[in-house]
């Protein structure tokens, strides 16, 4: 979070904001959408992916960083692969100071996304 705040001070092209994906209201569209440690409650998987699709521009890159807990990453990945094109999926089995066995996924919008409306 400190690094993000420091970079925000040096650029007017980058913004960062928390997002309640169950109640989004009006949000700007983004070139890159980053979701970190958001995959835990299965009932929120679909609202998370749908919110990312709603705020990501047509050519957006979506980055998900998840912690391996139970079988939740596998379940999230099944849903994600139905709604997005997974470009890269990397499991870090080495020790990490913050996350235990983090999984990093880069995804893009499917070529045909009927749920996407551009204003």
Foldseek 3Di string as FASTA:
>chain_A
DVVLVVVVVVDPVDDDDDADLVDHDDDAADQEAEAEAPFDDPVCLVSVLVSNLARYDQWHKYKYKHADDDCRVVVSVVVCVVFWAWPDWDWDCDDDPPGHGIIMTITTGDPDDPVYDDD
